Amino acid sequence: MAAMEASNTAADRVTAGQEQDWGELLARIRAWGRELGFQSLGVSDVHLPEAERGLSAWLEAGFHGELDYMARHGVKRTRPAELVPGTLRVISARMNYLASAQGESPRAVLESPERAYVSRYALGRDYHKVLRNRLQALAERVAGEVGPFGYRVFTDSAPVMEVEIGRKAGLGWRGKHTLLLSREAGSAFFLGEIYTDLPLPVDEPVTEHCGSCSRCLPACPTGAIVAPYRLDARRCISYLTIELKGSIPEELRPLVGNRVYGCDDCQLACPWNSFAQVSEEEDFRVRNGLDDVALVELFAWDEAEFRDRMAGSAILRIGHERWLRNLAVAMGNALAVLAGKESQEQIQALRGALEARRDHPSALVREHVAWALAQTRGRFPSHDP
């Protein structure tokens, strides 16, 4: 990436008297972005005072839980020019992620307790790598046109208020579930940014279209959306299964269901996601059958197989230990649901897999396996551990 302090930048040359039609350049940047696989691209300024007030209130409420990085960088998160000195504009880009070839529908998987539900964004290749490489290519294309300029590329990898920036750049509006929403794509997309010193014309925010709809709030399994536009991350299943490093709170485990990596329930409930567009990106195609796979099958992976199969996936970053933790919770929930039904074969398979991990070297895994095995106590005494 180019240093923002680079000498002889495009903006410097304009100051020196060399003309640049910034509007015409932006039109070309949008076209180059489409060639690189982005569905939409907008530009915002660097003033985010409302977002700064909202972030401060959110942190003061303790809603960030163990997400210490949300507070670590102070105002740099809400002041782009302090994070990257010299920044005048932020180019925000959207890339859809829904895979074109999937097995069962998301809801069908959620309603099958013995199956594993993986958030749809994580079914393919790690989006961090995909978007970062494309944004870098876009920045280099701009440099090839205007000469050296200051920029830095971000993809959910630094203190960046990506939803607020995307909103200001006209890519959508903030939904009541706190995600960015687009009339053309719902919320099934990734965002990435280029901080730049180019004085590009800014886009206008779009009109909000949630209206009186609040379906996303009651759809949250754990009640993490405590009010419109306000999320308590400590209760969010995405936080519990991805960000949380220790034990999942016991009172929340039954609410996790069969969600082993992330959660899409608020998005599935949102009417705007009926307009979500399928992505033709090869990188986002389903890997390892994760769109419809048995919990027992995933629980059987040892660490080497986990690392091999999840190479290049966003899931790799939670590690095998937390992967087993999440699966154990889902398997316990499956046992609780299946108890009393004609599901003896499924119950035996689930319990047998859990029993095999009962003496796992990790105390974290052992704890969650023991909890899972206890979910049929009193229902099938002959199966008690």
Protein backbone atom coordinates (compact mmCIF):
# COMPACT_ATOMS: atom_id res chain seq x y z
CA MET A 1 0.00 0.00 0.00
CA ALA A 2 1.16 3.52 -0.63
CA ALA A 3 2.15 5.78 2.24
CA MET A 4 -0.32 8.58 2.85
CA GLU A 5 2.61 10.94 3.25
CA ALA A 6 3.94 10.12 -0.23
CA SER A 7 5.43 13.09 -2.01
CA ASN A 8 4.28 14.33 -5.39
CA THR A 9 0.77 12.86 -4.91
CA ALA A 10 -2.01 13.49 -7.40
CA ALA A 11 -3.53 16.04 -5.02
CA ASP A 12 -0.15 17.83 -4.77
CA ARG A 13 0.08 18.07 -8.52
CA VAL A 14 -3.37 19.65 -8.72
CA THR A 15 -2.32 22.19 -6.11
CA ALA A 16 0.70 22.91 -8.29
CA GLY A 17 -1.60 23.75 -11.16
CA GLN A 18 -2.11 20.47 -12.99
CA GLU A 19 -5.85 19.96 -13.55
CA GLN A 20 -7.70 16.79 -12.67
CA ASP A 21 -11.39 16.18 -13.31
CA TRP A 22 -12.22 14.35 -10.07
CA GLY A 23 -15.77 13.56 -11.10
CA GLU A 24 -14.57 11.94 -14.30
CA LEU A 25 -11.91 10.03 -12.36
CA LEU A 26 -14.55 8.76 -9.93
CA ALA A 27 -16.64 7.48 -12.82
CA ARG A 28 -13.64 5.49 -14.03
CA ILE A 29 -12.95 4.20 -10.52
CA ARG A 30 -16.52 2.90 -10.35
CA ALA A 31 -16.07 1.16 -13.68
CA TRP A 32 -12.76 -0.40 -12.59
CA GLY A 33 -14.44 -1.50 -9.36
CA ARG A 34 -17.14 -3.35 -11.32
CA GLU A 35 -14.45 -5.05 -13.40
CA LEU A 36 -12.86 -6.26 -10.16
CA GLY A 37 -16.11 -7.78 -8.91
CA PHE A 38 -17.56 -5.03 -6.70
CA GLN A 39 -21.28 -4.47 -7.16
CA SER A 40 -21.29 -0.90 -5.88
CA LEU A 41 -18.84 1.79 -4.90
CA GLY A 42 -19.31 5.15 -3.16
CA VAL A 43 -17.29 7.95 -1.59
CA SER A 44 -17.69 9.60 1.81
CA ASP A 45 -15.95 12.39 3.66
CA VAL A 46 -14.14 11.76 6.95
CA HIS A 47 -16.53 13.44 9.39
CA LEU A 48 -18.34 10.88 11.59
CA PRO A 49 -19.49 12.79 14.72
CA GLU A 50 -22.78 10.86 15.12
CA ALA A 51 -20.97 7.55 14.87
CA GLU A 52 -18.46 8.73 17.47
CA ARG A 53 -21.21 9.56 19.96
CA GLY A 54 -22.93 6.24 19.29
CA LEU A 55 -19.72 4.26 19.73
CA SER A 56 -18.95 6.00 23.03
CA ALA A 57 -22.41 5.19 24.40
CA TRP A 58 -22.11 1.56 23.23
CA LEU A 59 -18.75 1.13 24.90
CA GLU A 60 -19.93 2.78 28.11
CA ALA A 61 -22.82 0.29 28.25
CA GLY A 62 -20.30 -2.55 28.10
CA PHE A 63 -22.01 -4.04 25.05
CA HIS A 64 -18.64 -4.84 23.46
CA GLY A 65 -17.84 -7.63 25.93
CA GLU A 66 -14.36 -8.97 25.19
CA LEU A 67 -14.04 -6.92 22.00
CA ASP A 68 -11.32 -4.79 23.57
CA TYR A 69 -10.11 -3.65 20.17
CA MET A 70 -13.31 -1.61 19.82
CA ALA A 71 -12.02 0.75 22.53
CA ARG A 72 -8.28 0.32 22.02
CA HIS A 73 -7.78 2.94 19.29
CA GLY A 74 -9.80 5.77 20.84
CA VAL A 75 -11.15 8.29 18.37
CA LYS A 76 -9.05 6.94 15.50
CA ARG A 77 -11.95 4.59 14.72
CA THR A 78 -14.32 7.50 14.13
CA ARG A 79 -11.77 9.96 12.75
CA PRO A 80 -10.22 8.50 9.59
CA ALA A 81 -7.78 11.38 9.20
CA GLU A 82 -6.30 10.55 12.62
CA LEU A 83 -5.99 6.85 11.84
CA VAL A 84 -4.35 7.61 8.49
CA PRO A 85 -3.01 11.18 8.40
CA GLY A 86 -3.79 12.98 5.17
CA THR A 87 -7.06 11.14 4.48
CA LEU A 88 -9.62 13.33 2.73
CA ARG A 89 -12.05 10.71 1.41
CA VAL A 90 -13.00 7.09 1.95
CA ILE A 91 -13.91 4.91 -1.02
CA SER A 92 -16.37 2.27 0.21
CA ALA A 93 -16.98 -0.85 -1.88
CA ARG A 94 -19.65 -3.57 -1.68
CA MET A 95 -19.25 -7.19 -2.78
CA ASN A 96 -22.11 -9.72 -2.60
CA TYR A 97 -21.35 -13.10 -1.01
CA LEU A 98 -24.32 -15.46 -1.37
CA ALA A 99 -23.11 -18.63 -3.06
CA SER A 100 -24.96 -19.72 -6.18
CA ALA A 101 -24.90 -23.46 -5.41
CA GLN A 102 -26.20 -24.41 -1.99
CA GLY A 103 -27.86 -27.49 -0.54
CA GLU A 104 -30.73 -27.09 1.89
CA SER A 105 -32.08 -23.59 2.48
CA PRO A 106 -30.74 -21.79 5.56
CA ARG A 107 -34.05 -22.20 7.38
CA ALA A 108 -34.20 -25.92 6.57
CA VAL A 109 -30.76 -26.42 8.12
CA LEU A 110 -31.72 -24.41 11.20
CA GLU A 111 -34.77 -26.63 11.63
CA SER A 112 -32.65 -29.81 11.48
CA PRO A 113 -31.04 -30.03 14.95
CA GLU A 114 -28.52 -32.70 13.93
CA ARG A 115 -27.14 -30.48 11.12
CA ALA A 116 -24.58 -27.70 11.58
CA TYR A 117 -25.48 -24.14 10.69
CA VAL A 118 -22.61 -21.98 9.44
CA SER A 119 -23.27 -18.32 8.68
CA ARG A 120 -23.66 -17.92 4.93
CA TYR A 121 -20.80 -15.42 4.67
CA ALA A 122 -18.31 -18.03 5.91
CA LEU A 123 -19.12 -20.89 3.52
CA GLY A 124 -16.36 -20.03 1.05
CA ARG A 125 -12.94 -18.39 1.03
CA ASP A 126 -11.98 -15.85 3.70
CA TYR A 127 -13.45 -12.55 2.53
CA HIS A 128 -10.64 -10.56 4.15
CA LYS A 129 -8.18 -11.86 1.58
CA VAL A 130 -10.55 -11.59 -1.36
CA LEU A 131 -11.62 -8.00 -0.77
CA ARG A 132 -8.20 -6.76 0.32
CA ASN A 133 -6.58 -8.05 -2.85
CA ARG A 134 -9.28 -6.52 -5.04
CA LEU A 135 -9.11 -3.17 -3.27
CA GLN A 136 -5.35 -3.16 -3.60
CA ALA A 137 -5.71 -3.86 -7.31
CA LEU A 138 -8.19 -1.00 -7.59
CA ALA A 139 -5.83 1.41 -5.82
CA GLU A 140 -2.98 0.38 -8.09
CA ARG A 141 -5.20 0.95 -11.12
CA VAL A 142 -5.88 4.48 -9.88
CA ALA A 143 -2.16 5.08 -9.33
CA GLY A 144 -1.49 3.93 -12.87
CA GLU A 145 -3.89 6.60 -14.08
CA VAL A 146 -3.07 9.60 -11.87
CA GLY A 147 0.38 8.76 -10.55
CA PRO A 148 1.44 8.17 -6.93
CA PHE A 149 -1.18 9.08 -4.33
CA GLY A 150 -1.72 8.40 -0.63
CA TYR A 151 -3.96 5.49 0.31
CA ARG A 152 -4.51 2.55 2.65
CA VAL A 153 -6.75 -0.44 2.08
CA PHE A 154 -8.97 -1.93 4.80
CA THR A 155 -11.29 -4.93 5.00
CA ASP A 156 -12.64 -5.41 8.51
CA SER A 157 -9.01 -5.39 9.59
CA ALA A 158 -8.52 -2.08 11.43
CA PRO A 159 -10.49 0.46 13.48
CA VAL A 160 -12.85 1.46 10.67
CA MET A 161 -16.55 2.34 11.07
CA GLU A 162 -17.41 0.50 7.87
CA VAL A 163 -21.21 0.58 8.21
CA GLU A 164 -21.31 4.31 8.93
CA ILE A 165 -18.84 5.01 6.11
CA GLY A 166 -20.88 2.84 3.74
CA ARG A 167 -24.01 4.70 4.77
CA LYS A 168 -22.42 8.10 4.13
CA ALA A 169 -21.08 6.82 0.81
CA GLY A 170 -24.61 6.02 -0.35
CA LEU A 171 -24.25 2.22 -0.38
CA GLY A 172 -27.27 1.74 1.86
CA TRP A 173 -28.82 2.60 5.20
CA ARG A 174 -28.28 1.16 8.67
CA GLY A 175 -30.96 -1.39 9.49
CA LYS A 176 -32.42 -1.87 12.95
CA HIS A 177 -30.20 -4.95 13.32
CA THR A 178 -27.22 -2.54 12.90
CA LEU A 179 -26.12 -3.97 9.52
CA LEU A 180 -26.01 -1.96 6.31
CA LEU A 181 -29.03 -2.56 4.06
CA SER A 182 -29.36 -2.04 0.32
CA ARG A 183 -32.57 -2.10 -1.72
CA GLU A 184 -30.74 -4.09 -4.39
CA ALA A 185 -28.85 -6.57 -2.19
CA GLY A 186 -30.37 -6.69 1.28
CA SER A 187 -27.48 -7.16 3.71
CA ALA A 188 -25.76 -10.17 2.12
CA PHE A 189 -22.55 -8.40 1.18
CA PHE A 190 -19.08 -7.49 2.41
CA LEU A 191 -17.66 -3.99 2.72
CA GLY A 192 -14.13 -2.76 2.14
CA GLU A 193 -12.52 0.67 2.16
CA ILE A 194 -9.73 2.69 0.61
CA TYR A 195 -8.65 5.67 2.71
CA THR A 196 -7.25 8.22 0.27
CA ASP A 197 -5.93 11.77 -0.04
CA LEU A 198 -7.66 12.28 -3.39
CA PRO A 199 -10.35 15.02 -3.15
CA LEU A 200 -13.01 12.96 -4.93
CA PRO A 201 -16.62 14.19 -4.97
CA VAL A 202 -18.67 12.59 -2.17
CA ASP A 203 -21.91 10.67 -2.58
CA GLU A 204 -25.15 11.44 -0.79
CA PRO A 205 -26.62 8.98 1.74
CA VAL A 206 -29.70 7.09 0.56
CA THR A 207 -33.13 7.23 2.16
CA GLU A 208 -33.81 4.75 4.95
CA HIS A 209 -36.40 2.09 4.18
CA CYS A 210 -36.97 0.07 7.36
CA GLY A 211 -40.05 2.09 8.24
CA SER A 212 -42.12 0.51 10.99
CA CYS A 213 -40.71 -2.98 10.34
CA SER A 214 -38.89 -4.51 13.30
CA ARG A 215 -38.88 -8.22 12.40
CA CYS A 216 -35.16 -8.51 13.08
CA LEU A 217 -35.53 -7.75 16.80
CA PRO A 218 -37.67 -10.73 17.88
CA ALA A 219 -35.88 -12.96 15.35
CA CYS A 220 -32.64 -12.81 17.35
CA PRO A 221 -32.43 -16.14 19.25
CA THR A 222 -30.68 -14.60 22.27
CA GLY A 223 -32.33 -11.16 22.34
CA ALA A 224 -29.04 -9.47 21.49
CA ILE A 225 -30.77 -6.67 19.54
CA VAL A 226 -31.89 -4.87 22.69
CA ALA A 227 -33.45 -1.96 20.80
CA PRO A 228 -33.56 -0.73 17.22
CA TYR A 229 -29.99 0.03 16.06
CA ARG A 230 -28.56 -1.23 19.39
CA LEU A 231 -26.78 -4.58 19.74
CA ASP A 232 -25.46 -6.16 22.94
CA ALA A 233 -22.58 -8.15 21.47
CA ARG A 234 -22.26 -10.20 24.66
CA ARG A 235 -25.49 -12.00 23.75
CA CYS A 236 -24.93 -12.18 20.00
CA ILE A 237 -24.35 -15.73 18.69
CA SER A 238 -21.75 -14.46 16.25
CA TYR A 239 -19.81 -13.05 19.20
CA LEU A 240 -20.31 -16.20 21.29
CA THR A 241 -19.16 -18.60 18.58
CA ILE A 242 -16.42 -16.49 16.98
CA GLU A 243 -15.08 -13.74 19.24
CA LEU A 244 -15.53 -15.22 22.72
CA LYS A 245 -12.41 -17.15 23.74
CA GLY A 246 -13.68 -18.88 26.86
CA SER A 247 -16.82 -20.70 27.91
CA ILE A 248 -20.14 -19.87 26.33
CA PRO A 249 -22.41 -18.75 29.20
CA GLU A 250 -24.47 -21.74 30.25
CA GLU A 251 -27.75 -19.83 30.22
CA LEU A 252 -27.20 -18.92 26.56
CA ARG A 253 -26.15 -22.35 25.30
CA PRO A 254 -29.68 -23.68 24.68
CA LEU A 255 -30.44 -20.52 22.65
CA VAL A 256 -27.49 -21.10 20.32
CA GLY A 257 -29.25 -24.08 18.76
CA ASN A 258 -27.22 -25.67 15.98
CA ARG A 259 -25.38 -22.47 15.00
CA VAL A 260 -21.70 -23.41 15.12
CA TYR A 261 -20.16 -20.36 13.43
CA GLY A 262 -22.03 -17.09 13.35
CA CYS A 263 -25.74 -16.43 13.00
CA ASP A 264 -27.98 -15.09 10.23
CA ASP A 265 -31.39 -15.05 11.92
CA CYS A 266 -31.86 -11.28 11.88
CA GLN A 267 -30.95 -11.22 8.20
CA LEU A 268 -33.22 -14.14 7.36
CA ALA A 269 -36.11 -12.26 8.98
CA CYS A 270 -35.44 -9.04 7.07
CA PRO A 271 -37.78 -8.52 4.08
CA TRP A 272 -35.07 -6.68 2.18
CA ASN A 273 -33.02 -9.86 1.96
CA SER A 274 -35.56 -11.27 -0.45
CA PHE A 275 -33.64 -9.03 -2.88
CA ALA A 276 -30.22 -10.40 -1.89
CA GLN A 277 -28.24 -11.14 -5.03
CA VAL A 278 -26.37 -14.35 -5.76
CA SER A 279 -22.63 -13.94 -6.19
CA GLU A 280 -20.77 -15.55 -9.06
CA GLU A 281 -17.45 -15.20 -7.25
CA GLU A 282 -15.63 -18.52 -7.34
CA ASP A 283 -13.99 -17.69 -4.01
CA PHE A 284 -17.37 -17.58 -2.27
CA ARG A 285 -18.59 -20.97 -3.47
CA VAL A 286 -19.41 -23.46 -0.71
CA ARG A 287 -16.45 -25.47 0.59
CA ASN A 288 -16.51 -28.78 2.45
CA GLY A 289 -20.30 -28.99 2.14
CA LEU A 290 -20.63 -26.55 5.04
CA ASP A 291 -24.04 -25.35 3.88
CA ASP A 292 -25.61 -28.69 4.91
CA VAL A 293 -23.50 -31.06 6.98
CA ALA A 294 -24.00 -33.26 10.06
CA LEU A 295 -22.66 -32.09 13.41
CA VAL A 296 -21.19 -35.52 14.05
CA GLU A 297 -19.19 -35.37 10.82
CA LEU A 298 -17.59 -32.03 11.72
CA PHE A 299 -16.96 -33.11 15.32
CA ALA A 300 -14.91 -36.05 14.07
CA TRP A 301 -12.25 -33.80 12.48
CA ASP A 302 -8.98 -33.81 14.39
CA GLU A 303 -6.89 -30.65 14.48
CA ALA A 304 -4.87 -31.54 11.39
CA GLU A 305 -8.00 -32.20 9.34
CA PHE A 306 -9.62 -29.01 10.66
CA ARG A 307 -6.60 -26.97 9.59
CA ASP A 308 -6.42 -28.67 6.21
CA ARG A 309 -10.10 -28.30 5.40
CA MET A 310 -10.41 -24.77 6.74
CA ALA A 311 -7.27 -23.44 5.06
CA GLY A 312 -8.25 -20.18 3.38
CA SER A 313 -11.51 -19.98 5.37
CA ALA A 314 -12.51 -17.33 7.91
CA ILE A 315 -13.42 -20.21 10.23
CA LEU A 316 -9.76 -21.16 10.64
CA ARG A 317 -9.11 -18.21 12.91
CA ILE A 318 -11.20 -19.54 15.82
CA GLY A 319 -9.01 -22.65 16.00
CA HIS A 320 -9.91 -26.30 16.52
CA GLU A 321 -10.55 -25.95 20.26
CA ARG A 322 -13.31 -23.35 19.90
CA TRP A 323 -14.65 -25.20 16.85
CA LEU A 324 -15.17 -28.28 19.05
CA ARG A 325 -16.65 -26.10 21.81
CA ASN A 326 -19.25 -24.72 19.42
CA LEU A 327 -20.06 -28.12 17.97
CA ALA A 328 -20.45 -29.63 21.45
CA VAL A 329 -23.03 -27.00 22.37
CA ALA A 330 -24.94 -27.64 19.16
CA MET A 331 -24.82 -31.40 19.74
CA GLY A 332 -26.14 -30.97 23.28
CA ASN A 333 -28.99 -28.89 21.93
CA ALA A 334 -29.68 -31.55 19.31
CA LEU A 335 -29.86 -34.22 22.04
CA ALA A 336 -32.34 -32.10 23.98
CA VAL A 337 -34.54 -31.63 20.91
CA LEU A 338 -34.38 -35.25 19.78
CA ALA A 339 -35.04 -36.72 23.23
CA GLY A 340 -38.51 -38.26 23.36
CA LYS A 341 -38.73 -38.56 19.59
CA GLU A 342 -38.13 -41.59 17.46
CA SER A 343 -34.52 -40.59 16.96
CA GLN A 344 -32.59 -43.34 18.74
CA GLU A 345 -30.06 -43.75 15.94
CA GLN A 346 -29.32 -40.00 15.82
CA ILE A 347 -29.09 -39.83 19.61
CA GLN A 348 -26.65 -42.72 19.71
CA ALA A 349 -24.50 -41.12 17.01
CA LEU A 350 -24.40 -37.79 18.82
CA ARG A 351 -23.66 -39.31 22.21
CA GLY A 352 -21.04 -41.64 20.80
CA ALA A 353 -19.20 -38.74 19.18
CA LEU A 354 -19.35 -36.70 22.39
CA GLU A 355 -18.17 -39.63 24.51
CA ALA A 356 -15.11 -39.93 22.25
CA ARG A 357 -14.12 -36.34 23.20
CA ARG A 358 -14.96 -36.66 26.90
CA ASP A 359 -11.28 -36.78 27.89
CA HIS A 360 -10.09 -34.19 25.40
CA PRO A 361 -6.85 -32.41 26.48
CA SER A 362 -8.64 -29.03 26.48
CA ALA A 363 -10.58 -28.16 29.64
CA LEU A 364 -12.76 -25.89 27.51
CA VAL A 365 -13.77 -28.76 25.24
CA ARG A 366 -14.30 -31.15 28.16
CA GLU A 367 -16.58 -28.66 29.89
CA HIS A 368 -18.84 -28.23 26.88
CA VAL A 369 -18.84 -31.94 26.06
CA ALA A 370 -19.96 -32.74 29.62
CA TRP A 371 -22.71 -30.15 29.35
CA ALA A 372 -23.83 -31.61 26.04
CA LEU A 373 -23.94 -35.17 27.36
CA ALA A 374 -26.04 -33.99 30.30
CA GLN A 375 -28.81 -32.75 28.02
CA THR A 376 -30.53 -36.16 27.89
CA ARG A 377 -30.39 -36.86 31.62
CA GLY A 378 -33.83 -37.59 32.97
CA ARG A 379 -35.15 -38.22 29.46
CA PHE A 380 -33.31 -41.44 28.65
CA PRO A 381 -31.89 -42.76 31.94
CA SER A 382 -30.23 -45.68 30.18
CA HIS A 383 -28.09 -43.17 28.26
CA ASP A 384 -26.93 -41.16 31.28
CA PRO A 385 -23.15 -40.64 31.39
